[in-house]
Amino acid sequence: MASTTIRVSPEAHARARRLADERHTSLGEVIAEALSQFERTAMLKAYNAAAARMRADPAAAAAFDAEVASMDGTLADGLEDYPYEGVEELMAGDDNQ
């Protein structure tokens, strides 16, 4: 795998090293995971801001709600109303594995 060098403060390096040691992984893996989390957080903040803008516009909110309502019956999968047989096992997970 190709690699490169980046400059970080000694404190950041120590934090990354501690996390890597705790997880028995490399500094690169810790940094890659941190970047993924950072990107996910940024995406969720952008989504929440867009949703708030949409909800602030009564016409846009009504249109969105109408579209969601129009899809209300699209999940008719033939299952009985909750609770259906086996739901407790599905929700609890299989402890025998």
Protein backbone atom coordinates (compact mmCIF):
# COMPACT_ATOMS: atom_id res chain seq x y z
CA MET A 1 0.00 0.00 0.00
CA ALA A 2 1.30 3.45 -0.87
CA SER A 3 1.71 5.90 1.97
CA THR A 4 2.56 9.50 2.63
CA THR A 5 3.70 11.62 5.52
CA ILE A 6 1.49 14.17 7.23
CA ARG A 7 2.34 16.65 9.95
CA VAL A 8 0.29 16.52 13.13
CA SER A 9 0.87 17.96 16.56
CA PRO A 10 2.58 15.72 19.11
CA GLU A 11 -0.70 15.67 21.05
CA ALA A 12 -2.68 14.47 18.03
CA HIS A 13 -0.05 11.81 17.34
CA ALA A 14 -0.20 10.60 20.94
CA ARG A 15 -4.01 10.43 20.82
CA ALA A 16 -3.95 8.49 17.55
CA ARG A 17 -1.25 6.15 18.88
CA ARG A 18 -3.28 5.50 22.05
CA LEU A 19 -6.38 4.70 20.01
CA ALA A 20 -4.41 2.43 17.69
CA ASP A 21 -2.89 0.58 20.64
CA GLU A 22 -6.29 0.17 22.31
CA ARG A 23 -7.75 -1.27 19.09
CA HIS A 24 -4.67 -3.28 18.15
CA THR A 25 -4.51 -1.57 14.77
CA SER A 26 -2.34 0.88 12.87
CA LEU A 27 -2.21 4.66 12.99
CA GLY A 28 -3.36 4.65 9.37
CA GLU A 29 -6.47 2.66 10.25
CA VAL A 30 -7.29 5.03 13.11
CA ILE A 31 -6.91 8.05 10.83
CA ALA A 32 -8.99 6.42 8.08
CA GLU A 33 -11.77 5.65 10.59
CA ALA A 34 -11.61 9.18 12.00
CA LEU A 35 -11.94 10.65 8.50
CA SER A 36 -14.93 8.41 7.76
CA GLN A 37 -16.61 9.56 10.97
CA PHE A 38 -15.80 13.19 10.18
CA GLU A 39 -17.31 12.87 6.69
CA ARG A 40 -20.41 11.13 8.07
CA THR A 41 -20.90 13.86 10.68
CA ALA A 42 -20.53 16.59 8.05
CA MET A 43 -23.03 14.85 5.76
CA LEU A 44 -25.57 14.46 8.57
CA LYS A 45 -25.19 18.13 9.55
CA ALA A 46 -25.79 19.15 5.94
CA TYR A 47 -28.83 16.86 5.71
CA ASN A 48 -30.28 18.21 8.96
CA ALA A 49 -29.75 21.80 7.80
CA ALA A 50 -31.49 21.06 4.49
CA ALA A 51 -34.38 19.35 6.29
CA ALA A 52 -34.74 22.33 8.62
CA ARG A 53 -34.83 24.70 5.64
CA MET A 54 -37.47 22.56 3.97
CA ARG A 55 -39.57 22.39 7.15
CA ALA A 56 -39.29 26.19 7.51
CA ASP A 57 -41.11 26.56 4.16
CA PRO A 58 -44.74 25.55 4.73
CA ALA A 59 -45.38 24.82 1.05
CA ALA A 60 -42.28 22.65 0.72
CA ALA A 61 -43.09 20.82 3.96
CA ALA A 62 -46.65 20.15 2.81
CA ALA A 63 -45.44 18.86 -0.55
CA PHE A 64 -42.94 16.56 1.14
CA ASP A 65 -45.54 15.25 3.58
CA ALA A 66 -47.97 14.64 0.71
CA GLU A 67 -45.34 12.68 -1.21
CA VAL A 68 -44.52 10.54 1.83
CA ALA A 69 -48.25 9.94 2.44
CA SER A 70 -48.68 8.84 -1.18
CA MET A 71 -46.21 6.01 -0.56
CA ASP A 72 -47.91 4.84 2.63
CA GLY A 73 -49.33 1.67 1.09
CA THR A 74 -46.30 0.68 -0.96
CA LEU A 75 -44.93 -1.71 1.67
CA ALA A 76 -47.84 -4.10 1.59
CA ASP A 77 -45.74 -7.23 2.03
CA GLY A 78 -48.50 -9.54 3.20
CA LEU A 79 -47.28 -9.76 6.79
CA GLU A 80 -49.84 -9.67 9.53
CA ASP A 81 -49.97 -6.64 11.74
CA TYR A 82 -47.29 -6.50 14.39
CA PRO A 83 -46.63 -8.60 16.39
CA TYR A 84 -46.18 -11.39 13.93
CA GLU A 85 -44.79 -14.83 14.65
CA GLY A 86 -41.06 -14.82 15.38
CA VAL A 87 -40.66 -11.09 15.98
CA GLU A 88 -39.29 -11.60 19.49
CA GLU A 89 -36.49 -13.81 18.17
CA LEU A 90 -35.66 -11.37 15.40
CA MET A 91 -35.49 -8.42 17.78
CA ALA A 92 -33.47 -10.33 20.41
CA GLY A 93 -30.97 -11.71 17.92
CA ASP A 94 -29.67 -15.26 17.87
CA ASP A 95 -27.74 -15.81 21.10
CA ASN A 96 -26.67 -19.28 19.99
CA GLN A 97 -24.17 -18.08 17.41
